[in-house]
Structures are given as structure tokens and as C-alpha cells.
Amino acid sequence: MTIQDLRAARYCLAGVRPWFRRHGLDWQAFLDGGIDVETLRATGDALVEPVIRQAEVREATREADYGR
């Protein structure tokens, strides 16, 4: 998952940064390279699911475009 997925899910970045801190996740590392979906799911927070869906859609679109 990347910052683009957060934006696509219309999440407020000002609110996401504290969320990362609360869950012990490194915001800067996320910005630099994204984060694994399973790491997000492991937080147990349902707020991650819309962002994960965006990441899955992005990946499926990329794979479909790549296969052409």
C-alpha cells in the first residue's frame, strides 16, 4: 500500500500520521516505500480496509494494463 492508496480512499493525511504513531508504524518508511497490507491488517483496525481495497484495485489495474 502506498500514499496514493490513502489519497484514493480520501483519507486525511493529517489524521493518518497520528494513526501510524498509535500503531507503532513508521510514517517516513511508509512514505519512502509503502507498507505491506498484512502489516496494516494486523493492527485490527477496520479503518485500513478501504485503503487496502484501493491498493488491490490499483494493483489489479496495473496487472491488467501490464498484460496487454
PDB file of N, CA and C in Angstrom:
ATOM      1  N   MET A   1       0.831  -1.155   0.000  1.00  0.00           N
ATOM      2  CA  MET A   1       0.000   0.000   0.000  1.00  0.00           C
ATOM      3  C   MET A   1       0.888   1.234   0.000  1.00  0.00           C
ATOM      4  N   THR A   2       0.449   2.263  -0.704  1.00  0.00           N
ATOM      5  CA  THR A   2       1.247   3.479  -0.820  1.00  0.00           C
ATOM      6  C   THR A   2       0.409   4.702  -0.453  1.00  0.00           C
ATOM      7  N   ILE A   3       1.065   5.826  -0.435  1.00  0.00           N
ATOM      8  CA  ILE A   3       0.385   7.090  -0.152  1.00  0.00           C
ATOM      9  C   ILE A   3      -0.731   7.347  -1.170  1.00  0.00           C
ATOM     10  N   GLN A   4      -0.541   6.895  -2.397  1.00  0.00           N
ATOM     11  CA  GLN A   4      -1.569   7.077  -3.420  1.00  0.00           C
ATOM     12  C   GLN A   4      -2.863   6.355  -3.033  1.00  0.00           C
ATOM     13  N   ASP A   5      -2.726   5.218  -2.375  1.00  0.00           N
ATOM     14  CA  ASP A   5      -3.910   4.474  -1.941  1.00  0.00           C
ATOM     15  C   ASP A   5      -4.656   5.216  -0.838  1.00  0.00           C
ATOM     16  N   LEU A   6      -3.913   5.852   0.065  1.00  0.00           N
ATOM     17  CA  LEU A   6      -4.555   6.670   1.099  1.00  0.00           C
ATOM     18  C   LEU A   6      -5.331   7.820   0.462  1.00  0.00           C
ATOM     19  N   ARG A   7      -4.712   8.458  -0.505  1.00  0.00           N
ATOM     20  CA  ARG A   7      -5.383   9.575  -1.185  1.00  0.00           C
ATOM     21  C   ARG A   7      -6.609   9.091  -1.953  1.00  0.00           C
ATOM     22  N   ALA A   8      -6.488   7.961  -2.627  1.00  0.00           N
ATOM     23  CA  ALA A   8      -7.618   7.416  -3.383  1.00  0.00           C
ATOM     24  C   ALA A   8      -8.792   7.072  -2.471  1.00  0.00           C
ATOM     25  N   ALA A   9      -8.489   6.656  -1.239  1.00  0.00           N
ATOM     26  CA  ALA A   9      -9.531   6.346  -0.267  1.00  0.00           C
ATOM     27  C   ALA A   9     -10.062   7.613   0.416  1.00  0.00           C
ATOM     28  N   ARG A  10      -9.485   8.767   0.039  1.00  0.00           N
ATOM     29  CA  ARG A  10      -9.884  10.072   0.556  1.00  0.00           C
ATOM     30  C   ARG A  10      -9.622  10.216   2.052  1.00  0.00           C
ATOM     31  N   TYR A  11      -8.525   9.637   2.510  1.00  0.00           N
ATOM     32  CA  TYR A  11      -8.141   9.772   3.908  1.00  0.00           C
ATOM     33  C   TYR A  11      -7.340  11.055   4.095  1.00  0.00           C
ATOM     34  N   CYS A  12      -7.554  11.699   5.209  1.00  0.00           N
ATOM     35  CA  CYS A  12      -6.851  12.928   5.556  1.00  0.00           C
ATOM     36  C   CYS A  12      -5.459  12.566   6.074  1.00  0.00           C
ATOM     37  N   LEU A  13      -4.439  13.029   5.379  1.00  0.00           N
ATOM     38  CA  LEU A  13      -3.073  12.686   5.773  1.00  0.00           C
ATOM     39  C   LEU A  13      -2.716  13.226   7.152  1.00  0.00           C
ATOM     40  N   ALA A  14      -3.304  14.354   7.531  1.00  0.00           N
ATOM     41  CA  ALA A  14      -3.044  14.900   8.867  1.00  0.00           C
ATOM     42  C   ALA A  14      -3.549  13.959   9.956  1.00  0.00           C
ATOM     43  N   GLY A  15      -4.587  13.193   9.663  1.00  0.00           N
ATOM     44  CA  GLY A  15      -5.105  12.229  10.623  1.00  0.00           C
ATOM     45  C   GLY A  15      -4.399  10.885  10.560  1.00  0.00           C
ATOM     46  N   VAL A  16      -3.834  10.582   9.411  1.00  0.00           N
ATOM     47  CA  VAL A  16      -3.183   9.283   9.236  1.00  0.00           C
ATOM     48  C   VAL A  16      -1.845   9.228   9.975  1.00  0.00           C
ATOM     49  N   ARG A  17      -1.120  10.329   9.981  1.00  0.00           N
ATOM     50  CA  ARG A  17       0.185  10.339  10.664  1.00  0.00           C
ATOM     51  C   ARG A  17       0.063   9.942  12.130  1.00  0.00           C
ATOM     52  N   PRO A  18      -0.868  10.532  12.909  1.00  0.00           N
ATOM     53  CA  PRO A  18      -1.028  10.097  14.303  1.00  0.00           C
ATOM     54  C   PRO A  18      -1.493   8.640  14.419  1.00  0.00           C
ATOM     55  N   TRP A  19      -2.304   8.206  13.444  1.00  0.00           N
ATOM     56  CA  TRP A  19      -2.751   6.810  13.436  1.00  0.00           C
ATOM     57  C   TRP A  19      -1.544   5.883  13.330  1.00  0.00           C
ATOM     58  N   PHE A  20      -0.612   6.200  12.439  1.00  0.00           N
ATOM     59  CA  PHE A  20       0.609   5.406  12.295  1.00  0.00           C
ATOM     60  C   PHE A  20       1.362   5.360  13.618  1.00  0.00           C
ATOM     61  N   ARG A  21       1.505   6.512  14.275  1.00  0.00           N
ATOM     62  CA  ARG A  21       2.203   6.559  15.573  1.00  0.00           C
ATOM     63  C   ARG A  21       1.513   5.682  16.604  1.00  0.00           C
ATOM     64  N   ARG A  22       0.184   5.796  16.696  1.00  0.00           N
ATOM     65  CA  ARG A  22      -0.573   4.996  17.676  1.00  0.00           C
ATOM     66  C   ARG A  22      -0.359   3.505  17.480  1.00  0.00           C
ATOM     67  N   HIS A  23      -0.158   3.099  16.251  1.00  0.00           N
ATOM     68  CA  HIS A  23       0.007   1.679  15.950  1.00  0.00           C
ATOM     69  C   HIS A  23       1.474   1.264  15.837  1.00  0.00           C
ATOM     70  N   GLY A  24       2.379   2.158  16.184  1.00  0.00           N
ATOM     71  CA  GLY A  24       3.799   1.829  16.179  1.00  0.00           C
ATOM     72  C   GLY A  24       4.380   1.637  14.786  1.00  0.00           C
ATOM     73  N   LEU A  25       3.794   2.296  13.790  1.00  0.00           N
ATOM     74  CA  LEU A  25       4.260   2.168  12.416  1.00  0.00           C
ATOM     75  C   LEU A  25       5.057   3.414  12.019  1.00  0.00           C
ATOM     76  N   ASP A  26       6.030   3.225  11.191  1.00  0.00           N
ATOM     77  CA  ASP A  26       6.940   4.292  10.787  1.00  0.00           C
ATOM     78  C   ASP A  26       6.383   5.041   9.573  1.00  0.00           C
ATOM     79  N   TRP A  27       5.940   6.257   9.810  1.00  0.00           N
ATOM     80  CA  TRP A  27       5.349   7.075   8.751  1.00  0.00           C
ATOM     81  C   TRP A  27       6.336   7.336   7.618  1.00  0.00           C
ATOM     82  N   GLN A  28       7.565   7.704   7.961  1.00  0.00           N
ATOM     83  CA  GLN A  28       8.551   8.025   6.930  1.00  0.00           C
ATOM     84  C   GLN A  28       8.897   6.798   6.090  1.00  0.00           C
ATOM     85  N   ALA A  29       9.024   5.641   6.734  1.00  0.00           N
ATOM     86  CA  ALA A  29       9.292   4.411   5.983  1.00  0.00           C
ATOM     87  C   ALA A  29       8.134   4.117   5.031  1.00  0.00           C
ATOM     88  N   PHE A  30       6.908   4.379   5.486  1.00  0.00           N
ATOM     89  CA  PHE A  30       5.744   4.198   4.625  1.00  0.00           C
ATOM     90  C   PHE A  30       5.826   5.125   3.408  1.00  0.00           C
ATOM     91  N   LEU A  31       6.143   6.394   3.645  1.00  0.00           N
ATOM     92  CA  LEU A  31       6.248   7.337   2.538  1.00  0.00           C
ATOM     93  C   LEU A  31       7.339   6.919   1.560  1.00  0.00           C
ATOM     94  N   ASP A  32       8.429   6.395   2.090  1.00  0.00           N
ATOM     95  CA  ASP A  32       9.566   6.010   1.256  1.00  0.00           C
ATOM     96  C   ASP A  32       9.306   4.755   0.432  1.00  0.00           C
ATOM     97  N   GLY A  33       8.564   3.795   0.988  1.00  0.00           N
ATOM     98  CA  GLY A  33       8.444   2.527   0.274  1.00  0.00           C
ATOM     99  C   GLY A  33       7.120   1.805   0.388  1.00  0.00           C
ATOM    100  N   GLY A  34       6.132   2.452   1.003  1.00  0.00           N
ATOM    101  CA  GLY A  34       4.852   1.780   1.177  1.00  0.00           C
ATOM    102  C   GLY A  34       4.879   0.866   2.385  1.00  0.00           C
ATOM    103  N   ILE A  35       3.795   0.127   2.556  1.00  0.00           N
ATOM    104  CA  ILE A  35       3.674  -0.792   3.690  1.00  0.00           C
ATOM    105  C   ILE A  35       2.899  -2.017   3.236  1.00  0.00           C
ATOM    106  N   ASP A  36       3.246  -3.134   3.799  1.00  0.00           N
ATOM    107  CA  ASP A  36       2.596  -4.392   3.477  1.00  0.00           C
ATOM    108  C   ASP A  36       1.159  -4.403   4.006  1.00  0.00           C
ATOM    109  N   VAL A  37       0.245  -4.881   3.189  1.00  0.00           N
ATOM    110  CA  VAL A  37      -1.165  -4.953   3.560  1.00  0.00           C
ATOM    111  C   VAL A  37      -1.354  -5.769   4.840  1.00  0.00           C
ATOM    112  N   GLU A  38      -0.637  -6.843   4.976  1.00  0.00           N
ATOM    113  CA  GLU A  38      -0.788  -7.688   6.169  1.00  0.00           C
ATOM    114  C   GLU A  38      -0.349  -6.964   7.438  1.00  0.00           C
ATOM    115  N   THR A  39       0.630  -6.087   7.331  1.00  0.00           N
ATOM    116  CA  THR A  39       1.046  -5.287   8.486  1.00  0.00           C
ATOM    117  C   THR A  39      -0.100  -4.393   8.923  1.00  0.00           C
ATOM    118  N   LEU A  40      -0.789  -3.810   7.953  1.00  0.00           N
ATOM    119  CA  LEU A  40      -1.941  -2.972   8.289  1.00  0.00           C
ATOM    120  C   LEU A  40      -3.073  -3.796   8.887  1.00  0.00           C
ATOM    121  N   ARG A  41      -3.374  -4.919   8.280  1.00  0.00           N
ATOM    122  CA  ARG A  41      -4.462  -5.764   8.808  1.00  0.00           C
ATOM    123  C   ARG A  41      -4.162  -6.231  10.227  1.00  0.00           C
ATOM    124  N   ALA A  42      -2.901  -6.422  10.531  1.00  0.00           N
ATOM    125  CA  ALA A  42      -2.507  -6.888  11.863  1.00  0.00           C
ATOM    126  C   ALA A  42      -2.843  -5.872  12.956  1.00  0.00           C
ATOM    127  N   THR A  43      -3.088  -4.610  12.576  1.00  0.00           N
ATOM    128  CA  THR A  43      -3.476  -3.615  13.578  1.00  0.00           C
ATOM    129  C   THR A  43      -4.865  -3.905  14.131  1.00  0.00           C
ATOM    130  N   GLY A  44      -5.676  -4.648  13.370  1.00  0.00           N
ATOM    131  CA  GLY A  44      -7.035  -4.947  13.799  1.00  0.00           C
ATOM    132  C   GLY A  44      -7.997  -3.776  13.642  1.00  0.00           C
ATOM    133  N   ASP A  45      -7.559  -2.726  13.005  1.00  0.00           N
ATOM    134  CA  ASP A  45      -8.372  -1.522  12.828  1.00  0.00           C
ATOM    135  C   ASP A  45      -9.120  -1.605  11.500  1.00  0.00           C
ATOM    136  N   ALA A  46     -10.435  -1.531  11.564  1.00  0.00           N
ATOM    137  CA  ALA A  46     -11.265  -1.628  10.364  1.00  0.00           C
ATOM    138  C   ALA A  46     -11.043  -0.454   9.410  1.00  0.00           C
ATOM    139  N   LEU A  47     -10.454   0.627   9.873  1.00  0.00           N
ATOM    140  CA  LEU A  47     -10.205   1.783   9.011  1.00  0.00           C
ATOM    141  C   LEU A  47      -9.231   1.475   7.890  1.00  0.00           C
ATOM    142  N   VAL A  48      -8.461   0.417   8.011  1.00  0.00           N
ATOM    143  CA  VAL A  48      -7.491   0.095   6.961  1.00  0.00           C
ATOM    144  C   VAL A  48      -8.144  -0.554   5.744  1.00  0.00           C
ATOM    145  N   GLU A  49      -9.308  -1.131   5.905  1.00  0.00           N
ATOM    146  CA  GLU A  49      -9.915  -1.893   4.815  1.00  0.00           C
ATOM    147  C   GLU A  49     -10.217  -1.065   3.563  1.00  0.00           C
ATOM    148  N   PRO A  50     -10.764   0.158   3.665  1.00  0.00           N
ATOM    149  CA  PRO A  50     -10.981   0.938   2.436  1.00  0.00           C
ATOM    150  C   PRO A  50      -9.677   1.245   1.699  1.00  0.00           C
ATOM    151  N   VAL A  51      -8.617   1.460   2.437  1.00  0.00           N
ATOM    152  CA  VAL A  51      -7.327   1.755   1.806  1.00  0.00           C
ATOM    153  C   VAL A  51      -6.772   0.490   1.151  1.00  0.00           C
ATOM    154  N   ILE A  52      -6.931  -0.631   1.798  1.00  0.00           N
ATOM    155  CA  ILE A  52      -6.484  -1.899   1.229  1.00  0.00           C
ATOM    156  C   ILE A  52      -7.241  -2.178  -0.064  1.00  0.00           C
ATOM    157  N   ARG A  53      -8.552  -1.905  -0.071  1.00  0.00           N
ATOM    158  CA  ARG A  53      -9.332  -2.094  -1.304  1.00  0.00           C
ATOM    159  C   ARG A  53      -8.786  -1.225  -2.431  1.00  0.00           C
ATOM    160  N   GLN A  54      -8.425  -0.001  -2.121  1.00  0.00           N
ATOM    161  CA  GLN A  54      -7.842   0.886  -3.138  1.00  0.00           C
ATOM    162  C   GLN A  54      -6.533   0.308  -3.669  1.00  0.00           C
ATOM    163  N   ALA A  55      -5.712  -0.228  -2.781  1.00  0.00           N
ATOM    164  CA  ALA A  55      -4.436  -0.824  -3.201  1.00  0.00           C
ATOM    165  C   ALA A  55      -4.685  -2.030  -4.093  1.00  0.00           C
ATOM    166  N   GLU A  56      -5.677  -2.841  -3.743  1.00  0.00           N
ATOM    167  CA  GLU A  56      -5.990  -4.020  -4.552  1.00  0.00           C
ATOM    168  C   GLU A  56      -6.497  -3.625  -5.941  1.00  0.00           C
ATOM    169  N   VAL A  57      -7.327  -2.598  -6.005  1.00  0.00           N
ATOM    170  CA  VAL A  57      -7.825  -2.112  -7.295  1.00  0.00           C
ATOM    171  C   VAL A  57      -6.666  -1.585  -8.128  1.00  0.00           C
ATOM    172  N   ARG A  58      -5.800  -0.801  -7.501  1.00  0.00           N
ATOM    173  CA  ARG A  58      -4.650  -0.250  -8.225  1.00  0.00           C
ATOM    174  C   ARG A  58      -3.781  -1.372  -8.778  1.00  0.00           C
ATOM    175  N   GLU A  59      -3.523  -2.377  -7.956  1.00  0.00           N
ATOM    176  CA  GLU A  59      -2.674  -3.490  -8.382  1.00  0.00           C
ATOM    177  C   GLU A  59      -3.336  -4.288  -9.504  1.00  0.00           C
ATOM    178  N   ALA A  60      -4.635  -4.537  -9.390  1.00  0.00           N
ATOM    179  CA  ALA A  60      -5.352  -5.284 -10.429  1.00  0.00           C
ATOM    180  C   ALA A  60      -5.339  -4.513 -11.749  1.00  0.00           C
ATOM    181  N   THR A  61      -5.505  -3.203 -11.664  1.00  0.00           N
ATOM    182  CA  THR A  61      -5.466  -2.371 -12.870  1.00  0.00           C
ATOM    183  C   THR A  61      -4.087  -2.409 -13.490  1.00  0.00           C
ATOM    184  N   ARG A  62      -3.065  -2.311 -12.655  1.00  0.00           N
ATOM    185  CA  ARG A  62      -1.688  -2.341 -13.150  1.00  0.00           C
ATOM    186  C   ARG A  62      -1.398  -3.678 -13.836  1.00  0.00           C
ATOM    187  N   GLU A  63      -1.831  -4.768 -13.230  1.00  0.00           N
ATOM    188  CA  GLU A  63      -1.612  -6.093 -13.815  1.00  0.00           C
ATOM    189  C   GLU A  63      -2.364  -6.236 -15.132  1.00  0.00           C
ATOM    190  N   ALA A  64      -3.587  -5.709 -15.193  1.00  0.00           N
ATOM    191  CA  ALA A  64      -4.362  -5.793 -16.438  1.00  0.00           C
ATOM    192  C   ALA A  64      -3.684  -4.973 -17.539  1.00  0.00           C
ATOM    193  N   ASP A  65      -3.188  -3.799 -17.190  1.00  0.00           N
ATOM    194  CA  ASP A  65      -2.509  -2.953 -18.167  1.00  0.00           C
ATOM    195  C   ASP A  65      -1.195  -3.585 -18.589  1.00  0.00           C
ATOM    196  N   TYR A  66      -0.529  -4.209 -17.671  1.00  0.00           N
ATOM    197  CA  TYR A  66       0.774  -4.821 -17.945  1.00  0.00           C
ATOM    198  C   TYR A  66       0.640  -6.043 -18.859  1.00  0.00           C
ATOM    199  N   GLY A  67      -0.492  -6.727 -18.733  1.00  0.00           N
ATOM    200  CA  GLY A  67      -0.722  -7.935 -19.530  1.00  0.00           C
ATOM    201  C   GLY A  67      -1.116  -7.651 -20.964  1.00  0.00           C
ATOM    202  N   ARG A  68      -1.400  -6.420 -21.257  1.00  0.00           N
ATOM    203  CA  ARG A  68      -1.833  -6.074 -22.622  1.00  0.00           C
ATOM    204  C   ARG A  68      -0.738  -6.138 -23.615  1.00  0.00           C
TER     205      ARG A  68
END
